[in-house]
Amino acid sequence: MAITSAIVLYAVTWFMTMLVALPIGLKTQGDLGEKVEGTHDGAPANYNPKRKALWVTIVATAIWAVLVAVILSGWVSWHDLDWTARLPSVADS
């Protein structure tokens, strides 16, 4: 795996983890009954982006390490995932 591939894999893993983690533990202003004038009831009341980013970075790094280990070990290769080789050719029809 090239360094560029590893960086792209980490970025994708981090953002996917962030999208999953965003709603976890979120309390809205409507839930708490402490609505700030001019905001929506669904606006977050206790959002802490630094804490969320720290946890996402820790979890994403662990997931990324497992993915890199699987890729570098050869347990799963591109040939295992290449389903197009199993399709019948046009000449067989």
N, C-alpha and C. Protein backbone atom coordinates (compact mmCIF):
# COMPACT_ATOMS: atom_id res chain seq x y z
N MET A 1 0.85 -1.17 0.00
CA MET A 1 0.00 0.00 0.00
C MET A 1 0.90 1.23 0.00
N ALA A 2 0.64 2.12 -0.92
CA ALA A 2 1.40 3.36 -1.01
C ALA A 2 0.95 4.32 0.08
N ILE A 3 1.79 5.30 0.38
CA ILE A 3 1.48 6.27 1.43
C ILE A 3 0.23 7.07 1.09
N THR A 4 0.06 7.38 -0.20
CA THR A 4 -1.14 8.12 -0.61
C THR A 4 -2.40 7.30 -0.37
N SER A 5 -2.34 6.02 -0.65
CA SER A 5 -3.49 5.15 -0.40
C SER A 5 -3.80 5.08 1.09
N ALA A 6 -2.78 5.01 1.92
CA ALA A 6 -2.98 4.96 3.36
C ALA A 6 -3.62 6.25 3.88
N ILE A 7 -3.19 7.37 3.35
CA ILE A 7 -3.76 8.66 3.78
C ILE A 7 -5.21 8.79 3.34
N VAL A 8 -5.50 8.39 2.12
CA VAL A 8 -6.88 8.45 1.62
C VAL A 8 -7.77 7.50 2.43
N LEU A 9 -7.26 6.30 2.72
CA LEU A 9 -8.03 5.35 3.52
C LEU A 9 -8.30 5.92 4.91
N TYR A 10 -7.31 6.58 5.51
CA TYR A 10 -7.52 7.19 6.83
C TYR A 10 -8.55 8.31 6.77
N ALA A 11 -8.47 9.16 5.75
CA ALA A 11 -9.43 10.26 5.62
C ALA A 11 -10.85 9.74 5.46
N VAL A 12 -11.02 8.74 4.63
CA VAL A 12 -12.36 8.17 4.43
C VAL A 12 -12.85 7.54 5.73
N THR A 13 -11.98 6.81 6.41
CA THR A 13 -12.35 6.18 7.68
C THR A 13 -12.71 7.22 8.72
N TRP A 14 -11.92 8.29 8.80
CA TRP A 14 -12.19 9.34 9.80
C TRP A 14 -13.54 10.01 9.55
N PHE A 15 -13.81 10.39 8.31
CA PHE A 15 -15.06 11.08 8.01
C PHE A 15 -16.27 10.16 8.17
N MET A 16 -16.14 8.90 7.80
CA MET A 16 -17.24 7.95 8.01
C MET A 16 -17.51 7.77 9.50
N THR A 17 -16.45 7.69 10.29
CA THR A 17 -16.61 7.56 11.73
C THR A 17 -17.24 8.82 12.31
N MET A 18 -16.86 9.98 11.82
CA MET A 18 -17.44 11.23 12.30
C MET A 18 -18.93 11.29 11.98
N LEU A 19 -19.32 10.87 10.79
CA LEU A 19 -20.74 10.90 10.43
C LEU A 19 -21.56 9.96 11.30
N VAL A 20 -20.97 8.84 11.69
CA VAL A 20 -21.67 7.92 12.58
C VAL A 20 -21.73 8.49 14.00
N ALA A 21 -20.67 9.15 14.44
CA ALA A 21 -20.57 9.62 15.82
C ALA A 21 -21.30 10.93 16.10
N LEU A 22 -21.59 11.71 15.08
CA LEU A 22 -22.21 13.02 15.32
C LEU A 22 -23.48 12.97 16.16
N PRO A 23 -24.43 12.09 15.88
CA PRO A 23 -25.65 12.11 16.68
C PRO A 23 -25.54 11.42 18.03
N ILE A 24 -24.45 10.73 18.31
CA ILE A 24 -24.31 10.00 19.57
C ILE A 24 -24.16 10.98 20.73
N GLY A 25 -25.03 10.87 21.71
CA GLY A 25 -24.95 11.71 22.91
C GLY A 25 -25.41 13.14 22.70
N LEU A 26 -26.01 13.43 21.58
CA LEU A 26 -26.43 14.80 21.28
C LEU A 26 -27.74 15.13 22.00
N LYS A 27 -27.75 16.22 22.72
CA LYS A 27 -28.97 16.74 23.35
C LYS A 27 -29.35 18.02 22.63
N THR A 28 -30.61 18.10 22.20
CA THR A 28 -31.06 19.30 21.50
C THR A 28 -31.65 20.29 22.48
N GLN A 29 -31.79 21.52 22.02
CA GLN A 29 -32.39 22.55 22.86
C GLN A 29 -33.84 22.21 23.17
N GLY A 30 -34.50 21.56 22.22
CA GLY A 30 -35.88 21.14 22.45
C GLY A 30 -35.98 20.06 23.51
N ASP A 31 -35.00 19.15 23.55
CA ASP A 31 -34.98 18.10 24.57
C ASP A 31 -34.80 18.68 25.97
N LEU A 32 -33.94 19.66 26.08
CA LEU A 32 -33.64 20.25 27.39
C LEU A 32 -34.61 21.36 27.78
N GLY A 33 -35.38 21.86 26.84
CA GLY A 33 -36.32 22.94 27.13
C GLY A 33 -35.65 24.28 27.36
N GLU A 34 -34.44 24.44 26.87
CA GLU A 34 -33.69 25.69 27.03
C GLU A 34 -33.40 26.29 25.67
N LYS A 35 -34.43 26.68 24.97
CA LYS A 35 -34.27 27.18 23.61
C LYS A 35 -33.75 28.61 23.61
N VAL A 36 -32.69 28.84 22.82
CA VAL A 36 -32.12 30.17 22.64
C VAL A 36 -32.95 30.87 21.57
N GLU A 37 -33.30 32.10 21.80
CA GLU A 37 -34.12 32.87 20.86
C GLU A 37 -33.45 32.92 19.49
N GLY A 38 -34.23 32.59 18.46
CA GLY A 38 -33.74 32.64 17.10
C GLY A 38 -33.14 31.34 16.59
N THR A 39 -33.15 30.30 17.42
CA THR A 39 -32.61 29.01 16.98
C THR A 39 -33.73 27.99 16.89
N HIS A 40 -33.45 26.91 16.20
CA HIS A 40 -34.40 25.82 16.01
C HIS A 40 -34.38 24.91 17.23
N ASP A 41 -35.51 24.23 17.49
CA ASP A 41 -35.57 23.30 18.62
C ASP A 41 -34.56 22.16 18.47
N GLY A 42 -34.22 21.81 17.24
CA GLY A 42 -33.28 20.72 17.00
C GLY A 42 -31.82 21.12 17.07
N ALA A 43 -31.55 22.39 17.39
CA ALA A 43 -30.16 22.84 17.49
C ALA A 43 -29.49 22.19 18.70
N PRO A 44 -28.23 21.79 18.58
CA PRO A 44 -27.57 21.14 19.71
C PRO A 44 -27.38 22.09 20.88
N ALA A 45 -27.56 21.54 22.08
CA ALA A 45 -27.41 22.35 23.28
C ALA A 45 -26.08 22.10 23.97
N ASN A 46 -25.51 20.93 23.75
CA ASN A 46 -24.28 20.57 24.47
C ASN A 46 -23.17 20.11 23.54
N TYR A 47 -23.09 20.68 22.37
CA TYR A 47 -22.13 20.21 21.38
C TYR A 47 -20.72 20.65 21.75
N ASN A 48 -19.80 19.68 21.78
CA ASN A 48 -18.40 19.95 22.07
C ASN A 48 -17.55 19.35 20.95
N PRO A 49 -17.23 20.13 19.91
CA PRO A 49 -16.54 19.56 18.74
C PRO A 49 -15.14 19.03 19.04
N LYS A 50 -14.41 19.63 19.98
CA LYS A 50 -13.06 19.14 20.29
C LYS A 50 -13.11 17.74 20.88
N ARG A 51 -14.02 17.53 21.81
CA ARG A 51 -14.15 16.21 22.45
C ARG A 51 -14.61 15.16 21.43
N LYS A 52 -15.57 15.53 20.59
CA LYS A 52 -16.07 14.60 19.57
C LYS A 52 -14.96 14.26 18.58
N ALA A 53 -14.19 15.25 18.14
CA ALA A 53 -13.10 15.01 17.20
C ALA A 53 -12.01 14.13 17.81
N LEU A 54 -11.73 14.30 19.10
CA LEU A 54 -10.74 13.47 19.77
C LEU A 54 -11.17 12.01 19.79
N TRP A 55 -12.42 11.76 20.19
CA TRP A 55 -12.92 10.38 20.23
C TRP A 55 -12.99 9.78 18.83
N VAL A 56 -13.42 10.56 17.86
CA VAL A 56 -13.49 10.07 16.48
C VAL A 56 -12.10 9.72 15.97
N THR A 57 -11.10 10.53 16.30
CA THR A 57 -9.74 10.27 15.87
C THR A 57 -9.21 8.97 16.48
N ILE A 58 -9.49 8.74 17.75
CA ILE A 58 -9.04 7.52 18.41
C ILE A 58 -9.70 6.29 17.78
N VAL A 59 -11.01 6.34 17.60
CA VAL A 59 -11.74 5.19 17.04
C VAL A 59 -11.37 4.98 15.58
N ALA A 60 -11.27 6.06 14.81
CA ALA A 60 -10.93 5.94 13.39
C ALA A 60 -9.52 5.39 13.20
N THR A 61 -8.60 5.76 14.07
CA THR A 61 -7.24 5.24 13.98
C THR A 61 -7.22 3.73 14.23
N ALA A 62 -8.00 3.28 15.19
CA ALA A 62 -8.09 1.83 15.47
C ALA A 62 -8.69 1.08 14.28
N ILE A 63 -9.77 1.62 13.72
CA ILE A 63 -10.40 0.99 12.55
C ILE A 63 -9.44 0.99 11.37
N TRP A 64 -8.76 2.10 11.16
CA TRP A 64 -7.80 2.22 10.06
C TRP A 64 -6.66 1.22 10.22
N ALA A 65 -6.17 1.03 11.43
CA ALA A 65 -5.08 0.08 11.68
C ALA A 65 -5.51 -1.34 11.33
N VAL A 66 -6.74 -1.70 11.67
CA VAL A 66 -7.26 -3.03 11.32
C VAL A 66 -7.36 -3.16 9.80
N LEU A 67 -7.89 -2.15 9.13
CA LEU A 67 -8.00 -2.20 7.67
C LEU A 67 -6.63 -2.32 7.00
N VAL A 68 -5.66 -1.56 7.47
CA VAL A 68 -4.31 -1.62 6.90
C VAL A 68 -3.70 -3.00 7.14
N ALA A 69 -3.91 -3.56 8.33
CA ALA A 69 -3.38 -4.89 8.62
C ALA A 69 -3.98 -5.94 7.69
N VAL A 70 -5.27 -5.85 7.45
CA VAL A 70 -5.93 -6.81 6.55
C VAL A 70 -5.40 -6.65 5.13
N ILE A 71 -5.25 -5.42 4.68
CA ILE A 71 -4.78 -5.17 3.32
C ILE A 71 -3.33 -5.63 3.14
N LEU A 72 -2.47 -5.29 4.09
CA LEU A 72 -1.05 -5.63 3.96
C LEU A 72 -0.79 -7.12 4.18
N SER A 73 -1.63 -7.79 4.95
CA SER A 73 -1.42 -9.21 5.22
C SER A 73 -1.79 -10.07 4.02
N GLY A 74 -2.65 -9.57 3.16
CA GLY A 74 -3.06 -10.34 2.00
C GLY A 74 -4.26 -11.24 2.26
N TRP A 75 -4.90 -11.11 3.42
CA TRP A 75 -6.09 -11.92 3.73
C TRP A 75 -7.16 -11.67 2.68
N VAL A 76 -7.30 -10.41 2.29
CA VAL A 76 -8.26 -10.04 1.26
C VAL A 76 -7.48 -9.28 0.20
N SER A 77 -7.62 -9.71 -1.04
CA SER A 77 -6.93 -9.02 -2.12
C SER A 77 -7.97 -8.48 -3.10
N TRP A 78 -7.49 -7.73 -4.07
CA TRP A 78 -8.38 -7.17 -5.07
C TRP A 78 -9.05 -8.29 -5.86
N HIS A 79 -8.34 -9.37 -6.07
CA HIS A 79 -8.88 -10.49 -6.84
C HIS A 79 -10.05 -11.16 -6.11
N ASP A 80 -10.05 -11.11 -4.79
CA ASP A 80 -11.17 -11.66 -4.02
C ASP A 80 -12.42 -10.81 -4.19
N LEU A 81 -12.24 -9.53 -4.43
CA LEU A 81 -13.35 -8.59 -4.55
C LEU A 81 -13.76 -8.34 -5.99
N ASP A 82 -13.00 -8.82 -6.94
CA ASP A 82 -13.27 -8.55 -8.36
C ASP A 82 -14.36 -9.50 -8.86
N TRP A 83 -15.59 -9.06 -8.77
CA TRP A 83 -16.72 -9.89 -9.19
C TRP A 83 -16.91 -9.86 -10.71
N THR A 84 -16.26 -8.94 -11.41
CA THR A 84 -16.45 -8.86 -12.85
C THR A 84 -15.81 -10.06 -13.57
N ALA A 85 -14.81 -10.69 -12.99
CA ALA A 85 -14.20 -11.86 -13.62
C ALA A 85 -15.14 -13.05 -13.62
N ARG A 86 -16.13 -13.03 -12.74
CA ARG A 86 -17.08 -14.14 -12.65
C ARG A 86 -18.28 -13.99 -13.56
N LEU A 87 -18.40 -12.86 -14.23
CA LEU A 87 -19.52 -12.63 -15.13
C LEU A 87 -19.31 -13.42 -16.42
N PRO A 88 -20.39 -13.91 -17.02
CA PRO A 88 -20.22 -14.60 -18.31
C PRO A 88 -19.84 -13.59 -19.39
N SER A 89 -19.03 -14.04 -20.32
CA SER A 89 -18.62 -13.14 -21.39
C SER A 89 -19.74 -13.04 -22.42
N VAL A 90 -19.66 -12.03 -23.27
CA VAL A 90 -20.67 -11.80 -24.31
C VAL A 90 -20.66 -12.95 -25.30
N ALA A 91 -19.49 -13.53 -25.55
CA ALA A 91 -19.39 -14.62 -26.51
C ALA A 91 -20.10 -15.89 -26.01
N ASP A 92 -20.27 -16.05 -24.69
CA ASP A 92 -20.94 -17.22 -24.12
C ASP A 92 -22.45 -17.14 -24.30
N SER A 93 -22.99 -15.99 -24.60
CA SER A 93 -24.46 -15.82 -24.69
C SER A 93 -25.03 -16.38 -25.96
